[in-house]
Amino acid sequence: MRKGWIACLMLCGLWTACESMPQSEVDDSTMPYQGLSTVMDTLELGATRVYALSYHVLAKDQDAEVFIKVSLDQEKQTHADSIFEFVPAGQVLQGQMIFGQAYVYQGEAKPTITIQTTIVQ
């Protein structure tokens, strides 16, 4: 039971760290439609490495649809998750995803993040 509480507290710490990471200060004035910022973080919990993504998407002048797909490949296993959101013009979509875990003893894992935005006309 104690290990479960420790793992829960560590995941909450990862969530908080990912949530409080500074957003990149990119000048998106040359992009007429969207601004985008992402930060990926990892945390080792014993024999497991957990991956998390913090995202921030701005729909500037027009409505947008945002599709975010994350996957984690390690050896012959793949963990994947995705979200699809509508963002009205002038609004911001932001959030966090804890999207996969890899076993440290199996070696390096390859995270892949795909973000696609579509202007709604």
PDB file of N, CA and C in Angstrom:
ATOM      1  N   MET A   1       0.826  -1.195   0.000  1.00  0.00           N
ATOM      2  CA  MET A   1       0.000   0.000   0.000  1.00  0.00           C
ATOM      3  C   MET A   1       0.866   1.254   0.000  1.00  0.00           C
ATOM      4  N   ARG A   2       1.974   1.200   0.747  1.00  0.00           N
ATOM      5  CA  ARG A   2       2.840   2.370   0.840  1.00  0.00           C
ATOM      6  C   ARG A   2       3.455   2.717  -0.515  1.00  0.00           C
ATOM      7  N   LYS A   3       3.859   1.686  -1.281  1.00  0.00           N
ATOM      8  CA  LYS A   3       4.428   1.930  -2.604  1.00  0.00           C
ATOM      9  C   LYS A   3       3.421   2.628  -3.510  1.00  0.00           C
ATOM     10  N   GLY A   4       2.145   2.246  -3.398  1.00  0.00           N
ATOM     11  CA  GLY A   4       1.100   2.880  -4.210  1.00  0.00           C
ATOM     12  C   GLY A   4       0.969   4.360  -3.909  1.00  0.00           C
ATOM     13  N   TRP A   5       1.030   4.726  -2.621  1.00  0.00           N
ATOM     14  CA  TRP A   5       0.953   6.146  -2.245  1.00  0.00           C
ATOM     15  C   TRP A   5       2.161   6.910  -2.750  1.00  0.00           C
ATOM     16  N   ILE A   6       3.349   6.297  -2.653  1.00  0.00           N
ATOM     17  CA  ILE A   6       4.562   6.969  -3.125  1.00  0.00           C
ATOM     18  C   ILE A   6       4.475   7.193  -4.628  1.00  0.00           C
ATOM     19  N   ALA A   7       4.043   6.169  -5.375  1.00  0.00           N
ATOM     20  CA  ALA A   7       3.901   6.311  -6.826  1.00  0.00           C
ATOM     21  C   ALA A   7       2.882   7.388  -7.159  1.00  0.00           C
ATOM     22  N   CYS A   8       1.772   7.436  -6.420  1.00  0.00           N
ATOM     23  CA  CYS A   8       0.744   8.452  -6.648  1.00  0.00           C
ATOM     24  C   CYS A   8       1.302   9.849  -6.401  1.00  0.00           C
ATOM     25  N   LEU A   9       2.051  10.007  -5.319  1.00  0.00           N
ATOM     26  CA  LEU A   9       2.645  11.314  -5.018  1.00  0.00           C
ATOM     27  C   LEU A   9       3.660  11.718  -6.077  1.00  0.00           C
ATOM     28  N   MET A  10       4.447  10.758  -6.566  1.00  0.00           N
ATOM     29  CA  MET A  10       5.440  11.076  -7.593  1.00  0.00           C
ATOM     30  C   MET A  10       4.752  11.461  -8.898  1.00  0.00           C
ATOM     31  N   LEU A  11       3.665  10.759  -9.265  1.00  0.00           N
ATOM     32  CA  LEU A  11       2.928  11.125 -10.476  1.00  0.00           C
ATOM     33  C   LEU A  11       2.303  12.507 -10.333  1.00  0.00           C
ATOM     34  N   CYS A  12       1.786  12.807  -9.143  1.00  0.00           N
ATOM     35  CA  CYS A  12       1.244  14.149  -8.901  1.00  0.00           C
ATOM     36  C   CYS A  12       2.348  15.185  -9.045  1.00  0.00           C
ATOM     37  N   GLY A  13       3.555  14.851  -8.590  1.00  0.00           N
ATOM     38  CA  GLY A  13       4.695  15.755  -8.740  1.00  0.00           C
ATOM     39  C   GLY A  13       5.044  15.973 -10.195  1.00  0.00           C
ATOM     40  N   LEU A  14       5.019  14.898 -11.004  1.00  0.00           N
ATOM     41  CA  LEU A  14       5.286  15.021 -12.430  1.00  0.00           C
ATOM     42  C   LEU A  14       4.218  15.882 -13.079  1.00  0.00           C
ATOM     43  N   TRP A  15       2.946  15.643 -12.725  1.00  0.00           N
ATOM     44  CA  TRP A  15       1.842  16.427 -13.275  1.00  0.00           C
ATOM     45  C   TRP A  15       2.031  17.899 -12.940  1.00  0.00           C
ATOM     46  N   THR A  16       2.384  18.200 -11.690  1.00  0.00           N
ATOM     47  CA  THR A  16       2.588  19.585 -11.262  1.00  0.00           C
ATOM     48  C   THR A  16       3.776  20.198 -11.977  1.00  0.00           C
ATOM     49  N   ALA A  17       4.860  19.445 -12.114  1.00  0.00           N
ATOM     50  CA  ALA A  17       6.046  19.965 -12.804  1.00  0.00           C
ATOM     51  C   ALA A  17       5.724  20.269 -14.255  1.00  0.00           C
ATOM     52  N   CYS A  18       4.987  19.377 -14.896  1.00  0.00           N
ATOM     53  CA  CYS A  18       4.618  19.582 -16.289  1.00  0.00           C
ATOM     54  C   CYS A  18       3.666  20.764 -16.411  1.00  0.00           C
ATOM     55  N   GLU A  19       2.764  20.896 -15.445  1.00  0.00           N
ATOM     56  CA  GLU A  19       1.781  21.971 -15.468  1.00  0.00           C
ATOM     57  C   GLU A  19       2.426  23.337 -15.229  1.00  0.00           C
ATOM     58  N   SER A  20       3.470  23.374 -14.403  1.00  0.00           N
ATOM     59  CA  SER A  20       4.067  24.658 -14.046  1.00  0.00           C
ATOM     60  C   SER A  20       5.267  25.029 -14.903  1.00  0.00           C
ATOM     61  N   MET A  21       5.582  24.219 -15.922  1.00  0.00           N
ATOM     62  CA  MET A  21       6.713  24.549 -16.782  1.00  0.00           C
ATOM     63  C   MET A  21       6.416  25.834 -17.541  1.00  0.00           C
ATOM     64  N   PRO A  22       7.429  26.674 -17.714  1.00  0.00           N
ATOM     65  CA  PRO A  22       7.188  27.926 -18.433  1.00  0.00           C
ATOM     66  C   PRO A  22       6.876  27.666 -19.898  1.00  0.00           C
ATOM     67  N   GLN A  23       5.955  28.418 -20.429  1.00  0.00           N
ATOM     68  CA  GLN A  23       5.637  28.306 -21.844  1.00  0.00           C
ATOM     69  C   GLN A  23       6.739  28.998 -22.642  1.00  0.00           C
ATOM     70  N   SER A  24       7.048  28.451 -23.808  1.00  0.00           N
ATOM     71  CA  SER A  24       8.114  29.054 -24.596  1.00  0.00           C
ATOM     72  C   SER A  24       7.679  30.435 -25.072  1.00  0.00           C
ATOM     73  N   GLU A  25       8.619  31.328 -25.096  1.00  0.00           N
ATOM     74  CA  GLU A  25       8.339  32.708 -25.484  1.00  0.00           C
ATOM     75  C   GLU A  25       8.685  32.877 -26.962  1.00  0.00           C
ATOM     76  N   VAL A  26       7.856  32.334 -27.817  1.00  0.00           N
ATOM     77  CA  VAL A  26       8.080  32.382 -29.252  1.00  0.00           C
ATOM     78  C   VAL A  26       7.260  33.519 -29.835  1.00  0.00           C
ATOM     79  N   ASP A  27       7.872  34.297 -30.725  1.00  0.00           N
ATOM     80  CA  ASP A  27       7.135  35.359 -31.402  1.00  0.00           C
ATOM     81  C   ASP A  27       6.330  34.709 -32.519  1.00  0.00           C
ATOM     82  N   ASP A  28       5.026  34.570 -32.307  1.00  0.00           N
ATOM     83  CA  ASP A  28       4.189  33.916 -33.310  1.00  0.00           C
ATOM     84  C   ASP A  28       3.464  34.922 -34.195  1.00  0.00           C
ATOM     85  N   SER A  29       3.951  36.150 -34.246  1.00  0.00           N
ATOM     86  CA  SER A  29       3.287  37.178 -35.046  1.00  0.00           C
ATOM     87  C   SER A  29       3.354  36.866 -36.537  1.00  0.00           C
ATOM     88  N   THR A  30       4.337  36.049 -36.959  1.00  0.00           N
ATOM     89  CA  THR A  30       4.424  35.686 -38.370  1.00  0.00           C
ATOM     90  C   THR A  30       3.447  34.573 -38.725  1.00  0.00           C
ATOM     91  N   MET A  31       2.885  33.908 -37.717  1.00  0.00           N
ATOM     92  CA  MET A  31       1.901  32.858 -37.966  1.00  0.00           C
ATOM     93  C   MET A  31       0.512  33.483 -37.905  1.00  0.00           C
ATOM     94  N   PRO A  32      -0.205  33.536 -39.015  1.00  0.00           N
ATOM     95  CA  PRO A  32      -1.497  34.214 -39.015  1.00  0.00           C
ATOM     96  C   PRO A  32      -2.582  33.485 -38.236  1.00  0.00           C
ATOM     97  N   TYR A  33      -2.431  32.207 -37.984  1.00  0.00           N
ATOM     98  CA  TYR A  33      -3.539  31.455 -37.403  1.00  0.00           C
ATOM     99  C   TYR A  33      -3.278  30.906 -36.010  1.00  0.00           C
ATOM    100  N   GLN A  34      -2.191  30.178 -35.790  1.00  0.00           N
ATOM    101  CA  GLN A  34      -1.989  29.527 -34.499  1.00  0.00           C
ATOM    102  C   GLN A  34      -0.611  29.809 -33.914  1.00  0.00           C
ATOM    103  N   GLY A  35      -0.557  29.703 -32.608  1.00  0.00           N
ATOM    104  CA  GLY A  35       0.704  29.645 -31.888  1.00  0.00           C
ATOM    105  C   GLY A  35       0.716  28.306 -31.171  1.00  0.00           C
ATOM    106  N   LEU A  36       1.867  27.714 -30.986  1.00  0.00           N
ATOM    107  CA  LEU A  36       1.952  26.387 -30.407  1.00  0.00           C
ATOM    108  C   LEU A  36       3.159  26.282 -29.498  1.00  0.00           C
ATOM    109  N   SER A  37       2.971  25.643 -28.357  1.00  0.00           N
ATOM    110  CA  SER A  37       4.065  25.405 -27.423  1.00  0.00           C
ATOM    111  C   SER A  37       3.845  24.045 -26.780  1.00  0.00           C
ATOM    112  N   THR A  38       4.878  23.216 -26.733  1.00  0.00           N
ATOM    113  CA  THR A  38       4.783  21.922 -26.060  1.00  0.00           C
ATOM    114  C   THR A  38       6.031  21.687 -25.229  1.00  0.00           C
ATOM    115  N   VAL A  39       5.868  20.963 -24.147  1.00  0.00           N
ATOM    116  CA  VAL A  39       6.986  20.568 -23.299  1.00  0.00           C
ATOM    117  C   VAL A  39       6.754  19.116 -22.912  1.00  0.00           C
ATOM    118  N   MET A  40       7.788  18.271 -23.106  1.00  0.00           N
ATOM    119  CA  MET A  40       7.680  16.882 -22.683  1.00  0.00           C
ATOM    120  C   MET A  40       8.588  16.670 -21.484  1.00  0.00           C
ATOM    121  N   ASP A  41       8.138  15.855 -20.532  1.00  0.00           N
ATOM    122  CA  ASP A  41       8.921  15.580 -19.334  1.00  0.00           C
ATOM    123  C   ASP A  41       8.830  14.091 -19.021  1.00  0.00           C
ATOM    124  N   THR A  42       9.841  13.582 -18.323  1.00  0.00           N
ATOM    125  CA  THR A  42       9.829  12.183 -17.903  1.00  0.00           C
ATOM    126  C   THR A  42      10.147  12.087 -16.419  1.00  0.00           C
ATOM    127  N   LEU A  43       9.723  10.989 -15.830  1.00  0.00           N
ATOM    128  CA  LEU A  43       9.997  10.725 -14.421  1.00  0.00           C
ATOM    129  C   LEU A  43      10.180   9.231 -14.257  1.00  0.00           C
ATOM    130  N   GLU A  44      11.243   8.828 -13.559  1.00  0.00           N
ATOM    131  CA  GLU A  44      11.460   7.413 -13.303  1.00  0.00           C
ATOM    132  C   GLU A  44      10.842   7.031 -11.969  1.00  0.00           C
ATOM    133  N   LEU A  45       9.978   6.030 -12.015  1.00  0.00           N
ATOM    134  CA  LEU A  45       9.324   5.482 -10.821  1.00  0.00           C
ATOM    135  C   LEU A  45       9.785   4.039 -10.671  1.00  0.00           C
ATOM    136  N   GLY A  46      10.861   3.826  -9.961  1.00  0.00           N
ATOM    137  CA  GLY A  46      11.409   2.482  -9.811  1.00  0.00           C
ATOM    138  C   GLY A  46      11.882   1.953 -11.145  1.00  0.00           C
ATOM    139  N   ALA A  47      11.265   0.884 -11.620  1.00  0.00           N
ATOM    140  CA  ALA A  47      11.667   0.262 -12.882  1.00  0.00           C
ATOM    141  C   ALA A  47      10.925   0.834 -14.081  1.00  0.00           C
ATOM    142  N   THR A  48      10.138   1.872 -13.868  1.00  0.00           N
ATOM    143  CA  THR A  48       9.304   2.433 -14.931  1.00  0.00           C
ATOM    144  C   THR A  48       9.629   3.903 -15.170  1.00  0.00           C
ATOM    145  N   ARG A  49       9.642   4.303 -16.434  1.00  0.00           N
ATOM    146  CA  ARG A  49       9.801   5.707 -16.810  1.00  0.00           C
ATOM    147  C   ARG A  49       8.459   6.173 -17.370  1.00  0.00           C
ATOM    148  N   VAL A  50       7.926   7.267 -16.821  1.00  0.00           N
ATOM    149  CA  VAL A  50       6.623   7.796 -17.222  1.00  0.00           C
ATOM    150  C   VAL A  50       6.845   9.050 -18.068  1.00  0.00           C
ATOM    151  N   TYR A  51       6.088   9.190 -19.154  1.00  0.00           N
ATOM    152  CA  TYR A  51       6.210  10.331 -20.062  1.00  0.00           C
ATOM    153  C   TYR A  51       4.965  11.213 -19.951  1.00  0.00           C
ATOM    154  N   ALA A  52       5.178  12.521 -19.957  1.00  0.00           N
ATOM    155  CA  ALA A  52       4.064  13.473 -19.876  1.00  0.00           C
ATOM    156  C   ALA A  52       4.293  14.606 -20.870  1.00  0.00           C
ATOM    157  N   LEU A  53       3.208  15.166 -21.368  1.00  0.00           N
ATOM    158  CA  LEU A  53       3.258  16.258 -22.337  1.00  0.00           C
ATOM    159  C   LEU A  53       2.382  17.399 -21.845  1.00  0.00           C
ATOM    160  N   SER A  54       2.923  18.605 -21.891  1.00  0.00           N
ATOM    161  CA  SER A  54       2.153  19.808 -21.606  1.00  0.00           C
ATOM    162  C   SER A  54       2.030  20.566 -22.926  1.00  0.00           C
ATOM    163  N   TYR A  55       0.810  20.975 -23.297  1.00  0.00           N
ATOM    164  CA  TYR A  55       0.618  21.644 -24.584  1.00  0.00           C
ATOM    165  C   TYR A  55      -0.163  22.943 -24.404  1.00  0.00           C
ATOM    166  N   HIS A  56       0.037  23.849 -25.352  1.00  0.00           N
ATOM    167  CA  HIS A  56      -0.566  25.181 -25.326  1.00  0.00           C
ATOM    168  C   HIS A  56      -0.758  25.586 -26.791  1.00  0.00           C
ATOM    169  N   VAL A  57      -2.002  25.683 -27.256  1.00  0.00           N
ATOM    170  CA  VAL A  57      -2.290  26.020 -28.650  1.00  0.00           C
ATOM    171  C   VAL A  57      -3.186  27.251 -28.673  1.00  0.00           C
ATOM    172  N   LEU A  58      -2.812  28.247 -29.461  1.00  0.00           N
ATOM    173  CA  LEU A  58      -3.582  29.483 -29.603  1.00  0.00           C
ATOM    174  C   LEU A  58      -4.202  29.532 -30.992  1.00  0.00           C
ATOM    175  N   ALA A  59      -5.523  29.675 -31.063  1.00  0.00           N
ATOM    176  CA  ALA A  59      -6.210  29.905 -32.335  1.00  0.00           C
ATOM    177  C   ALA A  59      -6.347  31.419 -32.455  1.00  0.00           C
ATOM    178  N   LYS A  60      -5.530  32.033 -33.291  1.00  0.00           N
ATOM    179  CA  LYS A  60      -5.477  33.498 -33.319  1.00  0.00           C
ATOM    180  C   LYS A  60      -6.690  34.138 -33.985  1.00  0.00           C
ATOM    181  N   ASP A  61      -6.736  34.092 -35.304  1.00  0.00           N
ATOM    182  CA  ASP A  61      -7.753  34.836 -36.045  1.00  0.00           C
ATOM    183  C   ASP A  61      -8.948  34.001 -36.503  1.00  0.00           C
ATOM    184  N   GLN A  62      -8.801  32.695 -36.513  1.00  0.00           N
ATOM    185  CA  GLN A  62      -9.876  31.827 -36.998  1.00  0.00           C
ATOM    186  C   GLN A  62     -10.031  30.626 -36.075  1.00  0.00           C
ATOM    187  N   ASP A  63     -11.227  30.015 -36.117  1.00  0.00           N
ATOM    188  CA  ASP A  63     -11.451  28.791 -35.358  1.00  0.00           C
ATOM    189  C   ASP A  63     -10.501  27.703 -35.865  1.00  0.00           C
ATOM    190  N   ALA A  64     -10.133  26.790 -34.981  1.00  0.00           N
ATOM    191  CA  ALA A  64      -9.225  25.715 -35.373  1.00  0.00           C
ATOM    192  C   ALA A  64      -9.645  24.403 -34.726  1.00  0.00           C
ATOM    193  N   GLU A  65      -9.325  23.318 -35.405  1.00  0.00           N
ATOM    194  CA  GLU A  65      -9.454  21.983 -34.837  1.00  0.00           C
ATOM    195  C   GLU A  65      -8.040  21.481 -34.581  1.00  0.00           C
ATOM    196  N   VAL A  66      -7.825  20.934 -33.410  1.00  0.00           N
ATOM    197  CA  VAL A  66      -6.492  20.484 -33.022  1.00  0.00           C
ATOM    198  C   VAL A  66      -6.546  18.988 -32.737  1.00  0.00           C
ATOM    199  N   PHE A  67      -5.622  18.257 -33.360  1.00  0.00           N
ATOM    200  CA  PHE A  67      -5.485  16.819 -33.132  1.00  0.00           C
ATOM    201  C   PHE A  67      -4.088  16.576 -32.580  1.00  0.00           C
ATOM    202  N   ILE A  68      -4.007  15.984 -31.403  1.00  0.00           N
ATOM    203  CA  ILE A  68      -2.717  15.671 -30.789  1.00  0.00           C
ATOM    204  C   ILE A  68      -2.655  14.165 -30.594  1.00  0.00           C
ATOM    205  N   LYS A  69      -1.608  13.551 -31.147  1.00  0.00           N
ATOM    206  CA  LYS A  69      -1.403  12.110 -30.986  1.00  0.00           C
ATOM    207  C   LYS A  69      -0.022  11.903 -30.383  1.00  0.00           C
ATOM    208  N   VAL A  70       0.042  11.102 -29.349  1.00  0.00           N
ATOM    209  CA  VAL A  70       1.316  10.771 -28.718  1.00  0.00           C
ATOM    210  C   VAL A  70       1.464   9.255 -28.721  1.00  0.00           C
ATOM    211  N   SER A  71       2.675   8.802 -28.958  1.00  0.00           N
ATOM    212  CA  SER A  71       2.927   7.366 -28.886  1.00  0.00           C
ATOM    213  C   SER A  71       4.312   7.135 -28.311  1.00  0.00           C
ATOM    214  N   LEU A  72       4.485   5.980 -27.725  1.00  0.00           N
ATOM    215  CA  LEU A  72       5.743   5.619 -27.093  1.00  0.00           C
ATOM    216  C   LEU A  72       6.082   4.205 -27.541  1.00  0.00           C
ATOM    217  N   ASP A  73       7.174   4.067 -28.291  1.00  0.00           N
ATOM    218  CA  ASP A  73       7.603   2.765 -28.799  1.00  0.00           C
ATOM    219  C   ASP A  73       8.808   2.277 -28.011  1.00  0.00           C
ATOM    220  N   GLN A  74       8.729   1.034 -27.559  1.00  0.00           N
ATOM    221  CA  GLN A  74       9.861   0.404 -26.887  1.00  0.00           C
ATOM    222  C   GLN A  74       9.825  -1.076 -27.220  1.00  0.00           C
ATOM    223  N   GLU A  75      10.907  -1.531 -27.826  1.00  0.00           N
ATOM    224  CA  GLU A  75      10.993  -2.898 -28.316  1.00  0.00           C
ATOM    225  C   GLU A  75       9.779  -3.191 -29.179  1.00  0.00           C
ATOM    226  N   LYS A  76       8.955  -4.149 -28.823  1.00  0.00           N
ATOM    227  CA  LYS A  76       7.805  -4.504 -29.664  1.00  0.00           C
ATOM    228  C   LYS A  76       6.493  -4.010 -29.084  1.00  0.00           C
ATOM    229  N   GLN A  77       6.559  -3.035 -28.162  1.00  0.00           N
ATOM    230  CA  GLN A  77       5.352  -2.510 -27.533  1.00  0.00           C
ATOM    231  C   GLN A  77       5.155  -1.053 -27.923  1.00  0.00           C
ATOM    232  N   THR A  78       3.892  -0.668 -28.096  1.00  0.00           N
ATOM    233  CA  THR A  78       3.560   0.723 -28.385  1.00  0.00           C
ATOM    234  C   THR A  78       2.404   1.144 -27.488  1.00  0.00           C
ATOM    235  N   HIS A  79       2.585   2.276 -26.825  1.00  0.00           N
ATOM    236  CA  HIS A  79       1.504   2.898 -26.053  1.00  0.00           C
ATOM    237  C   HIS A  79       1.102   4.140 -26.841  1.00  0.00           C
ATOM    238  N   ALA A  80      -0.182   4.360 -27.077  1.00  0.00           N
ATOM    239  CA  ALA A  80      -0.617   5.527 -27.843  1.00  0.00           C
ATOM    240  C   ALA A  80      -1.880   6.126 -27.235  1.00  0.00           C
ATOM    241  N   ASP A  81      -2.024   7.425 -27.431  1.00  0.00           N
ATOM    242  CA  ASP A  81      -3.211   8.139 -26.972  1.00  0.00           C
ATOM    243  C   ASP A  81      -3.390   9.350 -27.876  1.00  0.00           C
ATOM    244  N   SER A  82      -4.596   9.884 -27.939  1.00  0.00           N
ATOM    245  CA  SER A  82      -4.824  11.073 -28.764  1.00  0.00           C
ATOM    246  C   SER A  82      -6.005  11.863 -28.220  1.00  0.00           C
ATOM    247  N   ILE A  83      -6.045  13.137 -28.608  1.00  0.00           N
ATOM    248  CA  ILE A  83      -7.192  13.986 -28.292  1.00  0.00           C
ATOM    249  C   ILE A  83      -7.523  14.802 -29.532  1.00  0.00           C
ATOM    250  N   PHE A  84      -8.775  15.194 -29.645  1.00  0.00           N
ATOM    251  CA  PHE A  84      -9.238  16.041 -30.736  1.00  0.00           C
ATOM    252  C   PHE A  84     -10.084  17.136 -30.103  1.00  0.00           C
ATOM    253  N   GLU A  85      -9.740  18.384 -30.349  1.00  0.00           N
ATOM    254  CA  GLU A  85     -10.436  19.511 -29.714  1.00  0.00           C
ATOM    255  C   GLU A  85     -10.746  20.598 -30.733  1.00  0.00           C
ATOM    256  N   PHE A  86     -11.831  21.316 -30.505  1.00  0.00           N
ATOM    257  CA  PHE A  86     -12.183  22.516 -31.267  1.00  0.00           C
ATOM    258  C   PHE A  86     -11.772  23.726 -30.436  1.00  0.00           C
ATOM    259  N   VAL A  87     -11.089  24.685 -31.074  1.00  0.00           N
ATOM    260  CA  VAL A  87     -10.640  25.891 -30.374  1.00  0.00           C
ATOM    261  C   VAL A  87     -11.200  27.112 -31.107  1.00  0.00           C
ATOM    262  N   PRO A  88     -12.093  27.885 -30.486  1.00  0.00           N
ATOM    263  CA  PRO A  88     -12.632  29.091 -31.123  1.00  0.00           C
ATOM    264  C   PRO A  88     -11.540  30.146 -31.318  1.00  0.00           C
ATOM    265  N   ALA A  89     -11.732  31.006 -32.314  1.00  0.00           N
ATOM    266  CA  ALA A  89     -10.767  32.080 -32.593  1.00  0.00           C
ATOM    267  C   ALA A  89     -10.519  32.907 -31.338  1.00  0.00           C
ATOM    268  N   GLY A  90      -9.261  33.222 -31.104  1.00  0.00           N
ATOM    269  CA  GLY A  90      -8.885  34.034 -29.956  1.00  0.00           C
ATOM    270  C   GLY A  90      -8.783  33.270 -28.650  1.00  0.00           C
ATOM    271  N   GLN A  91      -9.073  31.981 -28.678  1.00  0.00           N
ATOM    272  CA  GLN A  91      -9.035  31.166 -27.462  1.00  0.00           C
ATOM    273  C   GLN A  91      -7.773  30.306 -27.418  1.00  0.00           C
ATOM    274  N   VAL A  92      -7.501  29.771 -26.237  1.00  0.00           N
ATOM    275  CA  VAL A  92      -6.318  28.945 -26.019  1.00  0.00           C
ATOM    276  C   VAL A  92      -6.749  27.559 -25.552  1.00  0.00           C
ATOM    277  N   LEU A  93      -6.137  26.542 -26.119  1.00  0.00           N
ATOM    278  CA  LEU A  93      -6.298  25.170 -25.649  1.00  0.00           C
ATOM    279  C   LEU A  93      -5.011  24.802 -24.930  1.00  0.00           C
ATOM    280  N   GLN A  94      -5.123  24.431 -23.683  1.00  0.00           N
ATOM    281  CA  GLN A  94      -3.925  24.002 -22.962  1.00  0.00           C
ATOM    282  C   GLN A  94      -4.268  22.846 -22.039  1.00  0.00           C
ATOM    283  N   GLY A  95      -3.291  22.016 -21.791  1.00  0.00           N
ATOM    284  CA  GLY A  95      -3.525  20.875 -20.920  1.00  0.00           C
ATOM    285  C   GLY A  95      -2.293  20.012 -20.802  1.00  0.00           C
ATOM    286  N   GLN A  96      -2.469  18.891 -20.132  1.00  0.00           N
ATOM    287  CA  GLN A  96      -1.386  17.951 -19.923  1.00  0.00           C
ATOM    288  C   GLN A  96      -1.889  16.537 -20.191  1.00  0.00           C
ATOM    289  N   MET A  97      -0.989  15.696 -20.653  1.00  0.00           N
ATOM    290  CA  MET A  97      -1.299  14.286 -20.866  1.00  0.00           C
ATOM    291  C   MET A  97      -0.169  13.454 -20.270  1.00  0.00           C
ATOM    292  N   ILE A  98      -0.496  12.491 -19.437  1.00  0.00           N
ATOM    293  CA  ILE A  98       0.479  11.469 -19.055  1.00  0.00           C
ATOM    294  C   ILE A  98       0.197  10.335 -20.021  1.00  0.00           C
ATOM    295  N   PHE A  99       1.139  10.093 -20.955  1.00  0.00           N
ATOM    296  CA  PHE A  99       0.771   9.269 -22.093  1.00  0.00           C
ATOM    297  C   PHE A  99       1.472   7.939 -22.223  1.00  0.00           C
ATOM    298  N   GLY A 100       2.335   7.562 -21.351  1.00  0.00           N
ATOM    299  CA  GLY A 100       2.934   6.246 -21.520  1.00  0.00           C
ATOM    300  C   GLY A 100       3.953   5.947 -20.456  1.00  0.00           C
ATOM    301  N   GLN A 101       4.263   4.688 -20.365  1.00  0.00           N
ATOM    302  CA  GLN A 101       5.306   4.282 -19.447  1.00  0.00           C
ATOM    303  C   GLN A 101       6.176   3.250 -20.139  1.00  0.00           C
ATOM    304  N   ALA A 102       7.457   3.285 -19.840  1.00  0.00           N
ATOM    305  CA  ALA A 102       8.403   2.347 -20.416  1.00  0.00           C
ATOM    306  C   ALA A 102       9.199   1.716 -19.284  1.00  0.00           C
ATOM    307  N   TYR A 103       9.584   0.477 -19.475  1.00  0.00           N
ATOM    308  CA  TYR A 103      10.386  -0.192 -18.463  1.00  0.00           C
ATOM    309  C   TYR A 103      11.852   0.146 -18.681  1.00  0.00           C
ATOM    310  N   VAL A 104      12.497   0.665 -17.658  1.00  0.00           N
ATOM    311  CA  VAL A 104      13.879   1.123 -17.750  1.00  0.00           C
ATOM    312  C   VAL A 104      14.788  -0.019 -18.191  1.00  0.00           C
ATOM    313  N   TYR A 105      14.563  -1.226 -17.689  1.00  0.00           N
ATOM    314  CA  TYR A 105      15.445  -2.354 -17.998  1.00  0.00           C
ATOM    315  C   TYR A 105      15.365  -2.773 -19.469  1.00  0.00           C
ATOM    316  N   GLN A 106      14.340  -2.342 -20.201  1.00  0.00           N
ATOM    317  CA  GLN A 106      14.218  -2.694 -21.614  1.00  0.00           C
ATOM    318  C   GLN A 106      14.944  -1.710 -22.520  1.00  0.00           C
ATOM    319  N   GLY A 107      15.609  -0.739 -21.950  1.00  0.00           N
ATOM    320  CA  GLY A 107      16.377   0.205 -22.757  1.00  0.00           C
ATOM    321  C   GLY A 107      15.576   1.436 -23.128  1.00  0.00           C
ATOM    322  N   GLU A 108      16.106   2.144 -24.096  1.00  0.00           N
ATOM    323  CA  GLU A 108      15.543   3.432 -24.484  1.00  0.00           C
ATOM    324  C   GLU A 108      14.193   3.288 -25.190  1.00  0.00           C
ATOM    325  N   ALA A 109      13.305   4.205 -24.899  1.00  0.00           N
ATOM    326  CA  ALA A 109      12.001   4.255 -25.562  1.00  0.00           C
ATOM    327  C   ALA A 109      11.982   5.472 -26.481  1.00  0.00           C
ATOM    328  N   LYS A 110      11.194   5.396 -27.542  1.00  0.00           N
ATOM    329  CA  LYS A 110      11.124   6.498 -28.501  1.00  0.00           C
ATOM    330  C   LYS A 110       9.736   7.134 -28.453  1.00  0.00           C
ATOM    331  N   PRO A 111       9.633   8.347 -27.864  1.00  0.00           N
ATOM    332  CA  PRO A 111       8.340   9.036 -27.884  1.00  0.00           C
ATOM    333  C   PRO A 111       8.144   9.766 -29.212  1.00  0.00           C
ATOM    334  N   THR A 112       6.919   9.773 -29.714  1.00  0.00           N
ATOM    335  CA  THR A 112       6.572  10.505 -30.928  1.00  0.00           C
ATOM    336  C   THR A 112       5.344  11.355 -30.632  1.00  0.00           C
ATOM    337  N   ILE A 113       5.432  12.628 -30.983  1.00  0.00           N
ATOM    338  CA  ILE A 113       4.317  13.548 -30.765  1.00  0.00           C
ATOM    339  C   ILE A 113       3.920  14.135 -32.114  1.00  0.00           C
ATOM    340  N   THR A 114       2.655  14.006 -32.479  1.00  0.00           N
ATOM    341  CA  THR A 114       2.136  14.574 -33.722  1.00  0.00           C
ATOM    342  C   THR A 114       1.036  15.564 -33.360  1.00  0.00           C
ATOM    343  N   ILE A 115       1.191  16.800 -33.813  1.00  0.00           N
ATOM    344  CA  ILE A 115       0.167  17.815 -33.568  1.00  0.00           C
ATOM    345  C   ILE A 115      -0.261  18.381 -34.918  1.00  0.00           C
ATOM    346  N   GLN A 116      -1.542  18.290 -35.199  1.00  0.00           N
ATOM    347  CA  GLN A 116      -2.079  18.780 -36.465  1.00  0.00           C
ATOM    348  C   GLN A 116      -3.172  19.797 -36.165  1.00  0.00           C
ATOM    349  N   THR A 117      -3.060  20.968 -36.757  1.00  0.00           N
ATOM    350  CA  THR A 117      -4.118  21.969 -36.601  1.00  0.00           C
ATOM    351  C   THR A 117      -4.762  22.217 -37.963  1.00  0.00           C
ATOM    352  N   THR A 118      -6.069  22.365 -37.959  1.00  0.00           N
ATOM    353  CA  THR A 118      -6.819  22.624 -39.182  1.00  0.00           C
ATOM    354  C   THR A 118      -7.679  23.858 -38.964  1.00  0.00           C
ATOM    355  N   ILE A 119      -7.600  24.805 -39.885  1.00  0.00           N
ATOM    356  CA  ILE A 119      -8.418  26.012 -39.812  1.00  0.00           C
ATOM    357  C   ILE A 119      -9.846  25.658 -40.218  1.00  0.00           C
ATOM    358  N   VAL A 120     -10.814  26.060 -39.402  1.00  0.00           N
ATOM    359  CA  VAL A 120     -12.224  25.810 -39.697  1.00  0.00           C
ATOM    360  C   VAL A 120     -12.764  27.016 -40.454  1.00  0.00           C
ATOM    361  N   GLN A 121     -13.304  26.779 -41.628  1.00  0.00           N
ATOM    362  CA  GLN A 121     -13.779  27.894 -42.445  1.00  0.00           C
ATOM    363  C   GLN A 121     -15.276  28.009 -42.407  1.00  0.00           C
TER     364      GLN A 121
END
